[in-house]
């Protein structure tokens, strides 16, 4: 089996790639290493995978497929998936069995200020991936959707059976469009597609624009943290290792199951946590108190996320095992080691 992981220098993509190669799966990772957040974090994730390309990219050297010096089964290519020609060439040469598409322009609030970036990265690029999968007879496409497609609903937990026709951000709208596009390709071309609605993923090597990293950075520096909706929010915080387990199980086991050709799964912890309780747990793990600035609700934000993950559990045995306390301890250990050393 050979798997393509897009967004391999990203948070989830890095962890998925590392887990797969550790169990002997051949992985080709791609990423455009954009500057939405600090590229150095992306380069350092790649270093963990045995790929050191920072200096070559800064010197504008032409890079082909770079083989890992740590894992025999991993190689990396810097490529932008807006480049359909380059993507088509990669698919033809590599003969992938499965594609795990995690590359996207992330961030709910950022989508309000930069809508064009989201249509290009999340819709046009997804079409490119679908076309390459169709033309190269890929067995299975797994792609990142988001819990944001549920909008600002109060009925919990969120179930895949519910209609998701009222997105409250453009980011959510692009993810909903991905699900519709995937469904049409499954119907027209018999392509197996599986969308994953991720719920507030956190952990080591996390994204700097997400609340856990923003809070930890501010607490560490003694700066004020912004707490939106006066803290009256809940999130289904899901530890990265639990998320990766679900993704990997789908990649390896879906062909052996009765999962439908076009499927959607929630992938969350199924235990929503009050935002102030999360901050309290982070304070305990860091040994410092946060200076809180309470603010009103932000445009595009939602009051609660709460996954019903029973469908994924039934399909591949997915069951999160990491408690919030243990997850925060692991996150803070990594955070201090990375940012304070």
Foldseek 3Di string as FASTA:
>chain_A
DEEEEEPCLADLNLVLVVVCLVVPHAYEYEYQLDPPDDSVLSQVSVVVQQDHCVVVVVVVHDDDWAQHPPGNRYIYDYDQLLPLVVVLVCCVVPLHQEYEYEWADDDQVVCVVPVVRRCSGLPSSLVSVLVSCLVSVHAEYEYEAALQLQDADDDDDDDPPDDRPDHQGSSNVSSVVSLVVQVVSCVPRVAQYEYEHEWAEDFFSHDCVDDVNVLLVCQVVVHEDEQEQQQQAKTQYAYSVLQSVLVVLCVVCVVVFPDDSRYYFYRTQQDIDRRVVLSVLLCVLQVTHHHYDYYYHDRRDYRYHGDDGVVSCVTRNRHGDDDSNNRSNRRVVNVCVPPVD
